Amino acid sequence: MELPKFILGDNTAYPNAIFIIHTEFPRFIINLENDEIEWFEEFDALDEKELELMVGKLIEEASSFYDDEVSKYDE
């Protein structure tokens, strides 16, 4: 099965949270309410340096995905 790059998720236990699941490497879930990220990958010291460079872009992509999805509800 082919998955989309991002998936929008919610959970009634966290009523204010907006979760975006990133399904490609590096896989993670971000809570857009507070930008907290939970990684599904394990990283070594070299990976972490590269990851630091990617995090800002990944958060921006996740936020853009959310904005695009929400705008479709208004159509």
PDB file of N, CA and C in Angstrom:
ATOM      1  N   MET A   1       0.838  -1.167   0.000  1.00  0.00           N
ATOM      2  CA  MET A   1       0.000   0.000   0.000  1.00  0.00           C
ATOM      3  C   MET A   1       0.889   1.238   0.000  1.00  0.00           C
ATOM      4  N   GLU A   2       0.518   2.182  -0.834  1.00  0.00           N
ATOM      5  CA  GLU A   2       1.251   3.444  -0.873  1.00  0.00           C
ATOM      6  C   GLU A   2       0.555   4.445   0.046  1.00  0.00           C
ATOM      7  N   LEU A   3       1.315   5.037   0.933  1.00  0.00           N
ATOM      8  CA  LEU A   3       0.771   6.016   1.871  1.00  0.00           C
ATOM      9  C   LEU A   3       1.084   7.429   1.410  1.00  0.00           C
ATOM     10  N   PRO A   4       0.209   8.386   1.740  1.00  0.00           N
ATOM     11  CA  PRO A   4       0.551   9.783   1.467  1.00  0.00           C
ATOM     12  C   PRO A   4       1.703  10.208   2.368  1.00  0.00           C
ATOM     13  N   LYS A   5       2.406  11.249   1.975  1.00  0.00           N
ATOM     14  CA  LYS A   5       3.544  11.729   2.750  1.00  0.00           C
ATOM     15  C   LYS A   5       3.107  12.200   4.141  1.00  0.00           C
ATOM     16  N   PHE A   6       1.944  12.865   4.219  1.00  0.00           N
ATOM     17  CA  PHE A   6       1.410  13.362   5.482  1.00  0.00           C
ATOM     18  C   PHE A   6      -0.002  12.845   5.677  1.00  0.00           C
ATOM     19  N   ILE A   7      -0.357  12.597   6.944  1.00  0.00           N
ATOM     20  CA  ILE A   7      -1.706  12.197   7.320  1.00  0.00           C
ATOM     21  C   ILE A   7      -2.124  13.077   8.494  1.00  0.00           C
ATOM     22  N   LEU A   8      -3.345  13.596   8.432  1.00  0.00           N
ATOM     23  CA  LEU A   8      -3.897  14.414   9.503  1.00  0.00           C
ATOM     24  C   LEU A   8      -4.556  13.503  10.532  1.00  0.00           C
ATOM     25  N   GLY A   9      -4.294  13.736  11.818  1.00  0.00           N
ATOM     26  CA  GLY A   9      -4.862  12.884  12.854  1.00  0.00           C
ATOM     27  C   GLY A   9      -5.347  13.696  14.040  1.00  0.00           C
ATOM     28  N   ASP A  10      -6.306  13.145  14.753  1.00  0.00           N
ATOM     29  CA  ASP A  10      -6.750  13.767  15.994  1.00  0.00           C
ATOM     30  C   ASP A  10      -7.065  12.679  17.004  1.00  0.00           C
ATOM     31  N   ASN A  11      -7.274  13.111  18.236  1.00  0.00           N
ATOM     32  CA  ASN A  11      -7.549  12.175  19.307  1.00  0.00           C
ATOM     33  C   ASN A  11      -8.338  12.918  20.372  1.00  0.00           C
ATOM     34  N   THR A  12      -9.485  12.368  20.781  1.00  0.00           N
ATOM     35  CA  THR A  12     -10.332  13.060  21.757  1.00  0.00           C
ATOM     36  C   THR A  12      -9.661  13.219  23.117  1.00  0.00           C
ATOM     37  N   ALA A  13      -8.648  12.416  23.399  1.00  0.00           N
ATOM     38  CA  ALA A  13      -7.916  12.561  24.663  1.00  0.00           C
ATOM     39  C   ALA A  13      -7.075  13.841  24.672  1.00  0.00           C
ATOM     40  N   TYR A  14      -6.835  14.398  23.486  1.00  0.00           N
ATOM     41  CA  TYR A  14      -6.059  15.630  23.344  1.00  0.00           C
ATOM     42  C   TYR A  14      -6.873  16.597  22.486  1.00  0.00           C
ATOM     43  N   PRO A  15      -7.914  17.207  23.047  1.00  0.00           N
ATOM     44  CA  PRO A  15      -8.863  17.970  22.241  1.00  0.00           C
ATOM     45  C   PRO A  15      -8.285  19.192  21.527  1.00  0.00           C
ATOM     46  N   ASN A  16      -7.198  19.752  22.013  1.00  0.00           N
ATOM     47  CA  ASN A  16      -6.613  20.932  21.375  1.00  0.00           C
ATOM     48  C   ASN A  16      -5.480  20.588  20.419  1.00  0.00           C
ATOM     49  N   ALA A  17      -5.085  19.328  20.403  1.00  0.00           N
ATOM     50  CA  ALA A  17      -3.944  18.910  19.590  1.00  0.00           C
ATOM     51  C   ALA A  17      -4.354  18.717  18.130  1.00  0.00           C
ATOM     52  N   ILE A  18      -3.425  19.021  17.253  1.00  0.00           N
ATOM     53  CA  ILE A  18      -3.569  18.751  15.827  1.00  0.00           C
ATOM     54  C   ILE A  18      -2.336  17.942  15.444  1.00  0.00           C
ATOM     55  N   PHE A  19      -2.541  16.666  15.122  1.00  0.00           N
ATOM     56  CA  PHE A  19      -1.424  15.783  14.816  1.00  0.00           C
ATOM     57  C   PHE A  19      -1.257  15.631  13.306  1.00  0.00           C
ATOM     58  N   ILE A  20      -0.018  15.723  12.873  1.00  0.00           N
ATOM     59  CA  ILE A  20       0.340  15.426  11.494  1.00  0.00           C
ATOM     60  C   ILE A  20       1.340  14.280  11.541  1.00  0.00           C
ATOM     61  N   ILE A  21       1.044  13.210  10.803  1.00  0.00           N
ATOM     62  CA  ILE A  21       1.920  12.048  10.759  1.00  0.00           C
ATOM     63  C   ILE A  21       2.712  12.108   9.461  1.00  0.00           C
ATOM     64  N   HIS A  22       4.018  12.065   9.545  1.00  0.00           N
ATOM     65  CA  HIS A  22       4.912  12.056   8.389  1.00  0.00           C
ATOM     66  C   HIS A  22       5.318  10.607   8.156  1.00  0.00           C
ATOM     67  N   THR A  23       4.968  10.055   6.994  1.00  0.00           N
ATOM     68  CA  THR A  23       5.135   8.621   6.757  1.00  0.00           C
ATOM     69  C   THR A  23       6.437   8.249   6.061  1.00  0.00           C
ATOM     70  N   GLU A  24       7.196   9.241   5.623  1.00  0.00           N
ATOM     71  CA  GLU A  24       8.469   8.969   4.944  1.00  0.00           C
ATOM     72  C   GLU A  24       9.619   9.188   5.926  1.00  0.00           C
ATOM     73  N   PHE A  25      10.795   8.700   5.553  1.00  0.00           N
ATOM     74  CA  PHE A  25      11.958   8.885   6.420  1.00  0.00           C
ATOM     75  C   PHE A  25      12.319  10.365   6.483  1.00  0.00           C
ATOM     76  N   PRO A  26      12.554  10.893   7.637  1.00  0.00           N
ATOM     77  CA  PRO A  26      12.426  10.311   8.959  1.00  0.00           C
ATOM     78  C   PRO A  26      10.968  10.389   9.430  1.00  0.00           C
ATOM     79  N   ARG A  27      10.415   9.258   9.816  1.00  0.00           N
ATOM     80  CA  ARG A  27       9.008   9.187  10.212  1.00  0.00           C
ATOM     81  C   ARG A  27       8.812   9.818  11.593  1.00  0.00           C
ATOM     82  N   PHE A  28       7.711  10.591  11.704  1.00  0.00           N
ATOM     83  CA  PHE A  28       7.425  11.256  12.967  1.00  0.00           C
ATOM     84  C   PHE A  28       5.962  11.661  13.035  1.00  0.00           C
ATOM     85  N   ILE A  29       5.540  12.035  14.229  1.00  0.00           N
ATOM     86  CA  ILE A  29       4.254  12.698  14.456  1.00  0.00           C
ATOM     87  C   ILE A  29       4.586  14.043  15.085  1.00  0.00           C
ATOM     88  N   ILE A  30       3.955  15.092  14.572  1.00  0.00           N
ATOM     89  CA  ILE A  30       4.122  16.418  15.163  1.00  0.00           C
ATOM     90  C   ILE A  30       2.772  16.897  15.664  1.00  0.00           C
ATOM     91  N   ASN A  31       2.778  17.487  16.828  1.00  0.00           N
ATOM     92  CA  ASN A  31       1.594  18.117  17.384  1.00  0.00           C
ATOM     93  C   ASN A  31       1.724  19.602  17.056  1.00  0.00           C
ATOM     94  N   LEU A  32       0.898  20.098  16.139  1.00  0.00           N
ATOM     95  CA  LEU A  32       1.009  21.487  15.717  1.00  0.00           C
ATOM     96  C   LEU A  32       0.598  22.478  16.796  1.00  0.00           C
ATOM     97  N   GLU A  33      -0.074  21.991  17.824  1.00  0.00           N
ATOM     98  CA  GLU A  33      -0.454  22.870  18.927  1.00  0.00           C
ATOM     99  C   GLU A  33       0.795  23.420  19.630  1.00  0.00           C
ATOM    100  N   ASN A  34       1.826  22.566  19.770  1.00  0.00           N
ATOM    101  CA  ASN A  34       3.030  22.982  20.505  1.00  0.00           C
ATOM    102  C   ASN A  34       4.333  22.617  19.789  1.00  0.00           C
ATOM    103  N   ASP A  35       4.224  22.135  18.542  1.00  0.00           N
ATOM    104  CA  ASP A  35       5.384  21.727  17.722  1.00  0.00           C
ATOM    105  C   ASP A  35       6.205  20.600  18.346  1.00  0.00           C
ATOM    106  N   GLU A  36       5.620  19.850  19.259  1.00  0.00           N
ATOM    107  CA  GLU A  36       6.303  18.691  19.841  1.00  0.00           C
ATOM    108  C   GLU A  36       6.361  17.576  18.794  1.00  0.00           C
ATOM    109  N   ILE A  37       7.531  16.954  18.666  1.00  0.00           N
ATOM    110  CA  ILE A  37       7.736  15.903  17.671  1.00  0.00           C
ATOM    111  C   ILE A  37       8.081  14.595  18.361  1.00  0.00           C
ATOM    112  N   GLU A  38       7.453  13.537  17.906  1.00  0.00           N
ATOM    113  CA  GLU A  38       7.779  12.174  18.351  1.00  0.00           C
ATOM    114  C   GLU A  38       8.340  11.442  17.136  1.00  0.00           C
ATOM    115  N   TRP A  39       9.594  11.032  17.217  1.00  0.00           N
ATOM    116  CA  TRP A  39      10.256  10.362  16.101  1.00  0.00           C
ATOM    117  C   TRP A  39      10.040   8.855  16.170  1.00  0.00           C
ATOM    118  N   PHE A  40       9.867   8.222  15.030  1.00  0.00           N
ATOM    119  CA  PHE A  40       9.758   6.768  14.951  1.00  0.00           C
ATOM    120  C   PHE A  40      11.070   6.132  14.523  1.00  0.00           C
ATOM    121  N   GLU A  41      12.089   6.927  14.377  1.00  0.00           N
ATOM    122  CA  GLU A  41      13.409   6.457  13.949  1.00  0.00           C
ATOM    123  C   GLU A  41      14.378   6.601  15.112  1.00  0.00           C
ATOM    124  N   GLU A  42      15.433   5.830  15.062  1.00  0.00           N
ATOM    125  CA  GLU A  42      16.537   5.983  16.009  1.00  0.00           C
ATOM    126  C   GLU A  42      17.668   6.668  15.254  1.00  0.00           C
ATOM    127  N   PHE A  43      18.303   7.632  15.890  1.00  0.00           N
ATOM    128  CA  PHE A  43      19.339   8.410  15.228  1.00  0.00           C
ATOM    129  C   PHE A  43      20.650   8.308  15.989  1.00  0.00           C
ATOM    130  N   ASP A  44      21.741   8.254  15.232  1.00  0.00           N
ATOM    131  CA  ASP A  44      23.048   8.331  15.872  1.00  0.00           C
ATOM    132  C   ASP A  44      23.517   9.784  15.821  1.00  0.00           C
ATOM    133  N   ALA A  45      24.692  10.062  16.349  1.00  0.00           N
ATOM    134  CA  ALA A  45      25.181  11.438  16.445  1.00  0.00           C
ATOM    135  C   ALA A  45      25.288  12.103  15.070  1.00  0.00           C
ATOM    136  N   LEU A  46      25.722  11.372  14.056  1.00  0.00           N
ATOM    137  CA  LEU A  46      25.826  11.944  12.709  1.00  0.00           C
ATOM    138  C   LEU A  46      24.448  12.274  12.147  1.00  0.00           C
ATOM    139  N   ASP A  47      23.490  11.380  12.344  1.00  0.00           N
ATOM    140  CA  ASP A  47      22.123  11.610  11.880  1.00  0.00           C
ATOM    141  C   ASP A  47      21.519  12.835  12.550  1.00  0.00           C
ATOM    142  N   GLU A  48      21.792  13.014  13.826  1.00  0.00           N
ATOM    143  CA  GLU A  48      21.197  14.115  14.565  1.00  0.00           C
ATOM    144  C   GLU A  48      21.624  15.463  14.007  1.00  0.00           C
ATOM    145  N   LYS A  49      22.855  15.580  13.546  1.00  0.00           N
ATOM    146  CA  LYS A  49      23.303  16.845  12.956  1.00  0.00           C
ATOM    147  C   LYS A  49      22.546  17.133  11.668  1.00  0.00           C
ATOM    148  N   GLU A  50      22.368  16.112  10.840  1.00  0.00           N
ATOM    149  CA  GLU A  50      21.607  16.278   9.602  1.00  0.00           C
ATOM    150  C   GLU A  50      20.139  16.558   9.918  1.00  0.00           C
ATOM    151  N   LEU A  51      19.633  15.905  10.935  1.00  0.00           N
ATOM    152  CA  LEU A  51      18.241  16.063  11.332  1.00  0.00           C
ATOM    153  C   LEU A  51      17.961  17.496  11.790  1.00  0.00           C
ATOM    154  N   GLU A  52      18.894  18.079  12.510  1.00  0.00           N
ATOM    155  CA  GLU A  52      18.727  19.460  12.962  1.00  0.00           C
ATOM    156  C   GLU A  52      18.495  20.397  11.787  1.00  0.00           C
ATOM    157  N   LEU A  53      19.172  20.126  10.677  1.00  0.00           N
ATOM    158  CA  LEU A  53      19.008  20.949   9.483  1.00  0.00           C
ATOM    159  C   LEU A  53      17.648  20.727   8.822  1.00  0.00           C
ATOM    160  N   MET A  54      17.093  19.546   8.957  1.00  0.00           N
ATOM    161  CA  MET A  54      15.839  19.185   8.311  1.00  0.00           C
ATOM    162  C   MET A  54      14.604  19.567   9.122  1.00  0.00           C
ATOM    163  N   VAL A  55      14.714  19.679  10.428  1.00  0.00           N
ATOM    164  CA  VAL A  55      13.542  19.829  11.293  1.00  0.00           C
ATOM    165  C   VAL A  55      12.703  21.044  10.919  1.00  0.00           C
ATOM    166  N   GLY A  56      13.326  22.177  10.716  1.00  0.00           N
ATOM    167  CA  GLY A  56      12.579  23.384  10.362  1.00  0.00           C
ATOM    168  C   GLY A  56      11.774  23.203   9.094  1.00  0.00           C
ATOM    169  N   LYS A  57      12.388  22.600   8.099  1.00  0.00           N
ATOM    170  CA  LYS A  57      11.705  22.371   6.824  1.00  0.00           C
ATOM    171  C   LYS A  57      10.559  21.382   6.998  1.00  0.00           C
ATOM    172  N   LEU A  58      10.767  20.337   7.780  1.00  0.00           N
ATOM    173  CA  LEU A  58       9.719  19.348   8.012  1.00  0.00           C
ATOM    174  C   LEU A  58       8.526  19.949   8.751  1.00  0.00           C
ATOM    175  N   ILE A  59       8.769  20.792   9.736  1.00  0.00           N
ATOM    176  CA  ILE A  59       7.686  21.459  10.457  1.00  0.00           C
ATOM    177  C   ILE A  59       6.926  22.373   9.501  1.00  0.00           C
ATOM    178  N   GLU A  60       7.646  23.092   8.675  1.00  0.00           N
ATOM    179  CA  GLU A  60       7.009  23.968   7.690  1.00  0.00           C
ATOM    180  C   GLU A  60       6.142  23.170   6.718  1.00  0.00           C
ATOM    181  N   GLU A  61       6.652  22.039   6.229  1.00  0.00           N
ATOM    182  CA  GLU A  61       5.878  21.187   5.320  1.00  0.00           C
ATOM    183  C   GLU A  61       4.628  20.641   5.999  1.00  0.00           C
ATOM    184  N   ALA A  62       4.750  20.211   7.245  1.00  0.00           N
ATOM    185  CA  ALA A  62       3.604  19.684   7.986  1.00  0.00           C
ATOM    186  C   ALA A  62       2.552  20.777   8.194  1.00  0.00           C
ATOM    187  N   SER A  63       2.993  21.975   8.522  1.00  0.00           N
ATOM    188  CA  SER A  63       2.066  23.097   8.710  1.00  0.00           C
ATOM    189  C   SER A  63       1.366  23.464   7.408  1.00  0.00           C
ATOM    190  N   SER A  64       2.105  23.461   6.313  1.00  0.00           N
ATOM    191  CA  SER A  64       1.513  23.757   5.000  1.00  0.00           C
ATOM    192  C   SER A  64       0.488  22.689   4.620  1.00  0.00           C
ATOM    193  N   PHE A  65       0.812  21.434   4.885  1.00  0.00           N
ATOM    194  CA  PHE A  65      -0.128  20.346   4.622  1.00  0.00           C
ATOM    195  C   PHE A  65      -1.417  20.584   5.396  1.00  0.00           C
ATOM    196  N   TYR A  66      -1.302  20.912   6.677  1.00  0.00           N
ATOM    197  CA  TYR A  66      -2.479  21.158   7.502  1.00  0.00           C
ATOM    198  C   TYR A  66      -3.303  22.318   6.933  1.00  0.00           C
ATOM    199  N   ASP A  67      -2.654  23.417   6.605  1.00  0.00           N
ATOM    200  CA  ASP A  67      -3.361  24.577   6.053  1.00  0.00           C
ATOM    201  C   ASP A  67      -4.103  24.211   4.777  1.00  0.00           C
ATOM    202  N   ASP A  68      -3.463  23.439   3.904  1.00  0.00           N
ATOM    203  CA  ASP A  68      -4.106  23.003   2.661  1.00  0.00           C
ATOM    204  C   ASP A  68      -5.316  22.124   2.939  1.00  0.00           C
ATOM    205  N   GLU A  69      -5.179  21.198   3.884  1.00  0.00           N
ATOM    206  CA  GLU A  69      -6.285  20.297   4.210  1.00  0.00           C
ATOM    207  C   GLU A  69      -7.468  21.070   4.794  1.00  0.00           C
ATOM    208  N   VAL A  70      -7.197  21.983   5.706  1.00  0.00           N
ATOM    209  CA  VAL A  70      -8.267  22.749   6.334  1.00  0.00           C
ATOM    210  C   VAL A  70      -8.960  23.646   5.318  1.00  0.00           C
ATOM    211  N   SER A  71      -8.214  24.201   4.393  1.00  0.00           N
ATOM    212  CA  SER A  71      -8.832  25.071   3.379  1.00  0.00           C
ATOM    213  C   SER A  71      -9.805  24.281   2.498  1.00  0.00           C
ATOM    214  N   LYS A  72      -9.591  23.006   2.324  1.00  0.00           N
ATOM    215  CA  LYS A  72     -10.490  22.175   1.508  1.00  0.00           C
ATOM    216  C   LYS A  72     -11.837  21.995   2.189  1.00  0.00           C
ATOM    217  N   TYR A  73     -11.877  22.060   3.522  1.00  0.00           N
ATOM    218  CA  TYR A  73     -13.146  21.954   4.236  1.00  0.00           C
ATOM    219  C   TYR A  73     -14.021  23.184   3.972  1.00  0.00           C
ATOM    220  N   ASP A  74     -13.375  24.319   3.732  1.00  0.00           N
ATOM    221  CA  ASP A  74     -14.115  25.563   3.485  1.00  0.00           C
ATOM    222  C   ASP A  74     -14.702  25.632   2.079  1.00  0.00           C
ATOM    223  N   GLU A  75     -14.203  24.804   1.171  1.00  0.00           N
ATOM    224  CA  GLU A  75     -14.658  24.846  -0.227  1.00  0.00           C
ATOM    225  C   GLU A  75     -16.018  24.247  -0.396  1.00  0.00           C
TER     226      GLU A  75
END
